[in-house]
PDB file of N, CA and C in Angstrom:
ATOM      1  N   MET A   1     160.241  18.897  34.994  1.00  0.00           N
ATOM      2  CA  MET A   1     161.702  19.689  35.905  1.00  0.00           C
ATOM      3  C   MET A   1     162.846  18.632  35.216  1.00  0.00           C
ATOM      4  N   SER A   2     164.148  18.904  35.467  1.00  0.00           N
ATOM      5  CA  SER A   2     164.909  17.830  33.871  1.00  0.00           C
ATOM      6  C   SER A   2     165.502  16.936  35.615  1.00  0.00           C
ATOM      7  N   ALA A   3     166.221  15.609  34.621  1.00  0.00           N
ATOM      8  CA  ALA A   3     166.424  14.502  35.253  1.00  0.00           C
ATOM      9  C   ALA A   3     167.523  15.334  36.559  1.00  0.00           C
ATOM     10  N   ALA A   4     168.449  16.068  36.518  1.00  0.00           N
ATOM     11  CA  ALA A   4     169.475  17.022  36.831  1.00  0.00           C
ATOM     12  C   ALA A   4     168.925  17.577  38.117  1.00  0.00           C
ATOM     13  N   GLY A   5     167.390  17.942  38.599  1.00  0.00           N
ATOM     14  CA  GLY A   5     166.743  18.479  39.439  1.00  0.00           C
ATOM     15  C   GLY A   5     167.085  20.297  38.696  1.00  0.00           C
ATOM     16  N   PRO A   6     166.130  20.682  39.307  1.00  0.00           N
ATOM     17  CA  PRO A   6     166.513  22.529  39.542  1.00  0.00           C
ATOM     18  C   PRO A   6     167.610  22.733  40.332  1.00  0.00           C
ATOM     19  N   LEU A   7     168.391  24.004  39.515  1.00  0.00           N
ATOM     20  CA  LEU A   7     169.107  24.714  40.026  1.00  0.00           C
ATOM     21  C   LEU A   7     168.733  25.332  41.138  1.00  0.00           C
ATOM     22  N   PRO A   8     169.783  25.497  42.430  1.00  0.00           N
ATOM     23  CA  PRO A   8     169.601  25.659  43.964  1.00  0.00           C
ATOM     24  C   PRO A   8     168.706  27.043  43.701  1.00  0.00           C
ATOM     25  N   GLY A   9     167.757  27.529  44.169  1.00  0.00           N
ATOM     26  CA  GLY A   9     167.351  28.685  44.322  1.00  0.00           C
ATOM     27  C   GLY A   9     166.471  28.968  43.297  1.00  0.00           C
ATOM     28  N   THR A  10     166.457  28.610  42.383  1.00  0.00           N
ATOM     29  CA  THR A  10     165.251  28.836  41.054  1.00  0.00           C
ATOM     30  C   THR A  10     164.293  28.468  41.055  1.00  0.00           C
ATOM     31  N   GLY A  11     163.437  29.131  40.525  1.00  0.00           N
ATOM     32  CA  GLY A  11     162.008  28.353  40.310  1.00  0.00           C
ATOM     33  C   GLY A  11     161.658  27.427  39.142  1.00  0.00           C
ATOM     34  N   HIS A  12     160.958  26.916  38.962  1.00  0.00           N
ATOM     35  CA  HIS A  12     160.427  26.280  37.476  1.00  0.00           C
ATOM     36  C   HIS A  12     160.679  27.402  36.219  1.00  0.00           C
ATOM     37  N   ASP A  13     159.947  28.194  35.972  1.00  0.00           N
ATOM     38  CA  ASP A  13     160.530  29.102  35.221  1.00  0.00           C
ATOM     39  C   ASP A  13     161.737  29.711  34.742  1.00  0.00           C
ATOM     40  N   GLU A  14     162.264  30.133  35.906  1.00  0.00           N
ATOM     41  CA  GLU A  14     164.248  29.809  35.912  1.00  0.00           C
ATOM     42  C   GLU A  14     164.925  29.067  34.876  1.00  0.00           C
ATOM     43  N   GLU A  15     164.145  28.104  36.121  1.00  0.00           N
ATOM     44  CA  GLU A  15     165.220  26.801  35.434  1.00  0.00           C
ATOM     45  C   GLU A  15     165.628  26.360  33.864  1.00  0.00           C
ATOM     46  N   ALA A  16     163.946  26.320  33.363  1.00  0.00           N
ATOM     47  CA  ALA A  16     163.095  26.399  32.064  1.00  0.00           C
ATOM     48  C   ALA A  16     164.097  27.399  31.074  1.00  0.00           C
ATOM     49  N   LEU A  17     164.172  28.706  31.903  1.00  0.00           N
ATOM     50  CA  LEU A  17     164.750  29.305  30.511  1.00  0.00           C
ATOM     51  C   LEU A  17     166.459  29.245  30.972  1.00  0.00           C
ATOM     52  N   TRP A  18     166.845  28.919  31.844  1.00  0.00           N
ATOM     53  CA  TRP A  18     168.574  28.225  32.017  1.00  0.00           C
ATOM     54  C   TRP A  18     168.522  26.942  31.195  1.00  0.00           C
ATOM     55  N   GLN A  19     168.010  26.524  31.359  1.00  0.00           N
ATOM     56  CA  GLN A  19     167.901  25.601  30.386  1.00  0.00           C
ATOM     57  C   GLN A  19     168.183  25.519  28.679  1.00  0.00           C
ATOM     58  N   ARG A  20     167.475  26.421  27.971  1.00  0.00           N
ATOM     59  CA  ARG A  20     166.750  27.026  26.570  1.00  0.00           C
ATOM     60  C   ARG A  20     168.010  28.051  26.477  1.00  0.00           C
ATOM     61  N   GLU A  21     168.335  28.861  27.456  1.00  0.00           N
ATOM     62  CA  GLU A  21     169.831  29.992  26.828  1.00  0.00           C
ATOM     63  C   GLU A  21     170.831  28.736  26.672  1.00  0.00           C
ATOM     64  N   LEU A  22     171.147  27.380  28.235  1.00  0.00           N
ATOM     65  CA  LEU A  22     172.024  26.676  27.196  1.00  0.00           C
ATOM     66  C   LEU A  22     172.226  25.452  26.259  1.00  0.00           C
ATOM     67  N   ARG A  23     171.333  25.245  26.043  1.00  0.00           N
ATOM     68  CA  ARG A  23     170.906  24.933  24.664  1.00  0.00           C
ATOM     69  C   ARG A  23     171.004  25.291  22.911  1.00  0.00           C
ATOM     70  N   GLU A  24     170.706  26.926  23.508  1.00  0.00           N
ATOM     71  CA  GLU A  24     170.642  27.547  22.548  1.00  0.00           C
ATOM     72  C   GLU A  24     172.648  27.792  21.645  1.00  0.00           C
ATOM     73  N   GLN A  25     173.424  27.742  22.935  1.00  0.00           N
ATOM     74  CA  GLN A  25     174.563  27.529  22.614  1.00  0.00           C
ATOM     75  C   GLN A  25     175.765  26.343  21.952  1.00  0.00           C
ATOM     76  N   PHE A  26     174.620  25.762  21.251  1.00  0.00           N
ATOM     77  CA  PHE A  26     174.795  24.288  21.393  1.00  0.00           C
ATOM     78  C   PHE A  26     173.881  23.934  19.724  1.00  0.00           C
ATOM     79  N   PRO A  27     175.131  24.574  18.256  1.00  0.00           N
ATOM     80  CA  PRO A  27     173.747  24.350  17.115  1.00  0.00           C
ATOM     81  C   PRO A  27     173.422  23.301  16.665  1.00  0.00           C
ATOM     82  N   ILE A  28     174.322  21.810  17.335  1.00  0.00           N
ATOM     83  CA  ILE A  28     173.272  20.666  16.496  1.00  0.00           C
ATOM     84  C   ILE A  28     171.972  20.025  17.728  1.00  0.00           C
ATOM     85  N   VAL A  29     171.827  20.632  18.677  1.00  0.00           N
ATOM     86  CA  VAL A  29     170.336  20.819  19.219  1.00  0.00           C
ATOM     87  C   VAL A  29     169.124  22.253  19.161  1.00  0.00           C
ATOM     88  N   THR A  30     170.488  22.986  18.918  1.00  0.00           N
ATOM     89  CA  THR A  30     169.494  24.378  18.130  1.00  0.00           C
ATOM     90  C   THR A  30     168.743  23.507  16.577  1.00  0.00           C
ATOM     91  N   ALA A  31     169.450  22.599  16.315  1.00  0.00           N
ATOM     92  CA  ALA A  31     169.183  22.206  14.879  1.00  0.00           C
ATOM     93  C   ALA A  31     168.380  21.144  14.825  1.00  0.00           C
ATOM     94  N   HIS A  32     167.850  20.419  16.066  1.00  0.00           N
ATOM     95  CA  HIS A  32     167.541  19.415  15.983  1.00  0.00           C
ATOM     96  C   HIS A  32     167.171  19.363  17.284  1.00  0.00           C
ATOM     97  N   PRO A  33     165.818  19.728  17.909  1.00  0.00           N
ATOM     98  CA  PRO A  33     165.442  20.199  19.214  1.00  0.00           C
ATOM     99  C   PRO A  33     164.817  18.724  19.765  1.00  0.00           C
ATOM    100  N   GLU A  34     164.494  17.923  18.956  1.00  0.00           N
ATOM    101  CA  GLU A  34     163.400  17.142  18.824  1.00  0.00           C
ATOM    102  C   GLU A  34     164.682  15.753  19.952  1.00  0.00           C
ATOM    103  N   SER A  35     165.618  16.081  19.097  1.00  0.00           N
ATOM    104  CA  SER A  35     166.335  15.140  19.871  1.00  0.00           C
ATOM    105  C   SER A  35     167.338  15.051  21.293  1.00  0.00           C
ATOM    106  N   ALA A  36     167.693  13.827  22.048  1.00  0.00           N
ATOM    107  CA  ALA A  36     168.049  13.593  22.534  1.00  0.00           C
ATOM    108  C   ALA A  36     170.155  13.651  22.451  1.00  0.00           C
ATOM    109  N   TYR A  37     170.008  14.255  23.887  1.00  0.00           N
ATOM    110  CA  TYR A  37     172.481  14.204  23.167  1.00  0.00           C
ATOM    111  C   TYR A  37     171.933  13.246  24.619  1.00  0.00           C
ATOM    112  N   LEU A  38     172.977  12.351  24.481  1.00  0.00           N
ATOM    113  CA  LEU A  38     173.653  11.281  25.252  1.00  0.00           C
ATOM    114  C   LEU A  38     175.109  11.199  25.319  1.00  0.00           C
ATOM    115  N   ASP A  39     175.439  11.399  26.050  1.00  0.00           N
ATOM    116  CA  ASP A  39     177.096  11.917  26.218  1.00  0.00           C
ATOM    117  C   ASP A  39     177.888  10.558  26.190  1.00  0.00           C
ATOM    118  N   SER A  40     178.838   9.761  25.246  1.00  0.00           N
ATOM    119  CA  SER A  40     179.503   8.786  25.256  1.00  0.00           C
ATOM    120  C   SER A  40     180.614   9.151  26.219  1.00  0.00           C
ATOM    121  N   ALA A  41     181.652  10.586  25.960  1.00  0.00           N
ATOM    122  CA  ALA A  41     182.761  10.624  26.056  1.00  0.00           C
ATOM    123  C   ALA A  41     183.511  10.433  25.217  1.00  0.00           C
ATOM    124  N   ALA A  42     183.092   9.820  24.056  1.00  0.00           N
ATOM    125  CA  ALA A  42     184.279   9.493  23.021  1.00  0.00           C
ATOM    126  C   ALA A  42     184.052  10.950  21.782  1.00  0.00           C
ATOM    127  N   THR A  43     183.205  12.166  22.080  1.00  0.00           N
ATOM    128  CA  THR A  43     182.337  12.929  21.574  1.00  0.00           C
ATOM    129  C   THR A  43     181.968  13.593  21.774  1.00  0.00           C
ATOM    130  N   SER A  44     182.729  15.454  21.865  1.00  0.00           N
ATOM    131  CA  SER A  44     181.826  15.934  23.030  1.00  0.00           C
ATOM    132  C   SER A  44     181.307  17.072  21.521  1.00  0.00           C
ATOM    133  N   GLN A  45     180.280  17.715  22.188  1.00  0.00           N
ATOM    134  CA  GLN A  45     179.268  18.787  21.101  1.00  0.00           C
ATOM    135  C   GLN A  45     180.013  19.679  21.833  1.00  0.00           C
ATOM    136  N   LYS A  46     180.341  21.078  20.911  1.00  0.00           N
ATOM    137  CA  LYS A  46     180.641  22.596  20.954  1.00  0.00           C
ATOM    138  C   LYS A  46     179.922  23.535  21.582  1.00  0.00           C
ATOM    139  N   PRO A  47     180.097  24.053  21.847  1.00  0.00           N
ATOM    140  CA  PRO A  47     179.178  24.920  22.157  1.00  0.00           C
ATOM    141  C   PRO A  47     179.746  26.421  21.061  1.00  0.00           C
ATOM    142  N   ARG A  48     178.815  27.040  20.214  1.00  0.00           N
ATOM    143  CA  ARG A  48     178.784  28.527  19.417  1.00  0.00           C
ATOM    144  C   ARG A  48     180.545  28.378  19.347  1.00  0.00           C
ATOM    145  N   ALA A  49     180.734  29.169  20.721  1.00  0.00           N
ATOM    146  CA  ALA A  49     181.994  30.421  20.328  1.00  0.00           C
ATOM    147  C   ALA A  49     183.097  29.404  20.716  1.00  0.00           C
ATOM    148  N   VAL A  50     182.812  28.662  20.783  1.00  0.00           N
ATOM    149  CA  VAL A  50     184.520  27.537  20.140  1.00  0.00           C
ATOM    150  C   VAL A  50     184.193  26.745  18.561  1.00  0.00           C
ATOM    151  N   LEU A  51     183.596  27.008  18.279  1.00  0.00           N
ATOM    152  CA  LEU A  51     183.392  26.850  17.030  1.00  0.00           C
ATOM    153  C   LEU A  51     183.544  28.270  16.232  1.00  0.00           C
ATOM    154  N   ASP A  52     182.998  29.169  16.574  1.00  0.00           N
ATOM    155  CA  ASP A  52     183.680  30.279  16.112  1.00  0.00           C
ATOM    156  C   ASP A  52     184.782  30.808  15.792  1.00  0.00           C
ATOM    157  N   ALA A  53     185.858  30.376  17.342  1.00  0.00           N
ATOM    158  CA  ALA A  53     187.466  30.353  18.031  1.00  0.00           C
ATOM    159  C   ALA A  53     188.242  29.176  16.967  1.00  0.00           C
ATOM    160  N   VAL A  54     187.369  28.215  16.372  1.00  0.00           N
ATOM    161  CA  VAL A  54     188.410  27.508  16.254  1.00  0.00           C
ATOM    162  C   VAL A  54     188.334  27.981  13.961  1.00  0.00           C
ATOM    163  N   GLN A  55     186.739  28.426  14.339  1.00  0.00           N
ATOM    164  CA  GLN A  55     187.077  28.620  12.680  1.00  0.00           C
ATOM    165  C   GLN A  55     187.938  30.091  11.920  1.00  0.00           C
ATOM    166  N   THR A  56     188.371  30.709  13.272  1.00  0.00           N
ATOM    167  CA  THR A  56     188.609  32.277  13.393  1.00  0.00           C
ATOM    168  C   THR A  56     190.362  32.076  13.480  1.00  0.00           C
ATOM    169  N   TYR A  57     190.731  30.904  14.217  1.00  0.00           N
ATOM    170  CA  TYR A  57     192.224  30.739  13.672  1.00  0.00           C
ATOM    171  C   TYR A  57     192.248  29.602  12.697  1.00  0.00           C
ATOM    172  N   LEU A  58     191.404  28.759  12.114  1.00  0.00           N
ATOM    173  CA  LEU A  58     192.132  27.943  10.421  1.00  0.00           C
ATOM    174  C   LEU A  58     191.909  29.014   9.309  1.00  0.00           C
ATOM    175  N   THR A  59     191.234  30.026   9.678  1.00  0.00           N
ATOM    176  CA  THR A  59     191.334  30.837   8.727  1.00  0.00           C
ATOM    177  C   THR A  59     192.010  32.393   8.532  1.00  0.00           C
ATOM    178  N   THR A  60     192.545  32.131   9.718  1.00  0.00           N
ATOM    179  CA  THR A  60     193.421  33.296   9.920  1.00  0.00           C
ATOM    180  C   THR A  60     195.136  33.299  10.449  1.00  0.00           C
ATOM    181  N   SER A  61     195.090  32.195  11.353  1.00  0.00           N
ATOM    182  CA  SER A  61     196.107  31.999  11.289  1.00  0.00           C
ATOM    183  C   SER A  61     196.828  30.403  11.831  1.00  0.00           C
ATOM    184  N   ASN A  62     196.506  29.412  11.166  1.00  0.00           N
ATOM    185  CA  ASN A  62     196.928  28.001  10.778  1.00  0.00           C
ATOM    186  C   ASN A  62     198.443  28.484  10.225  1.00  0.00           C
ATOM    187  N   ALA A  63     199.049  27.325  10.355  1.00  0.00           N
ATOM    188  CA  ALA A  63     200.921  27.623   9.637  1.00  0.00           C
ATOM    189  C   ALA A  63     201.266  26.797  10.401  1.00  0.00           C
ATOM    190  N   ASN A  64     202.061  26.086   9.104  1.00  0.00           N
ATOM    191  CA  ASN A  64     202.746  24.953   9.047  1.00  0.00           C
ATOM    192  C   ASN A  64     203.989  25.453  10.540  1.00  0.00           C
ATOM    193  N   ALA A  65     204.971  24.247  11.043  1.00  0.00           N
ATOM    194  CA  ALA A  65     206.029  25.474  12.324  1.00  0.00           C
ATOM    195  C   ALA A  65     207.083  25.165  10.868  1.00  0.00           C
ATOM    196  N   GLY A  66     207.308  25.306   9.837  1.00  0.00           N
ATOM    197  CA  GLY A  66     208.033  25.222   9.021  1.00  0.00           C
ATOM    198  C   GLY A  66     208.211  26.497   8.593  1.00  0.00           C
TER     199      GLY A  66
END
């Protein structure tokens, strides 16, 4: 069981699946599964969807205001 506890109405297997699916969205967690991430509020990890959106913007739409 996680420190936060299981989600309401879920069993242990469902909780493990939910956690695994969430972790898979973060490339740094996927690349280093043995590590624990403790958020210091100074920096936050970005999920794959955000990284993909930023890359698309920077490679297709980024321009100066002038």
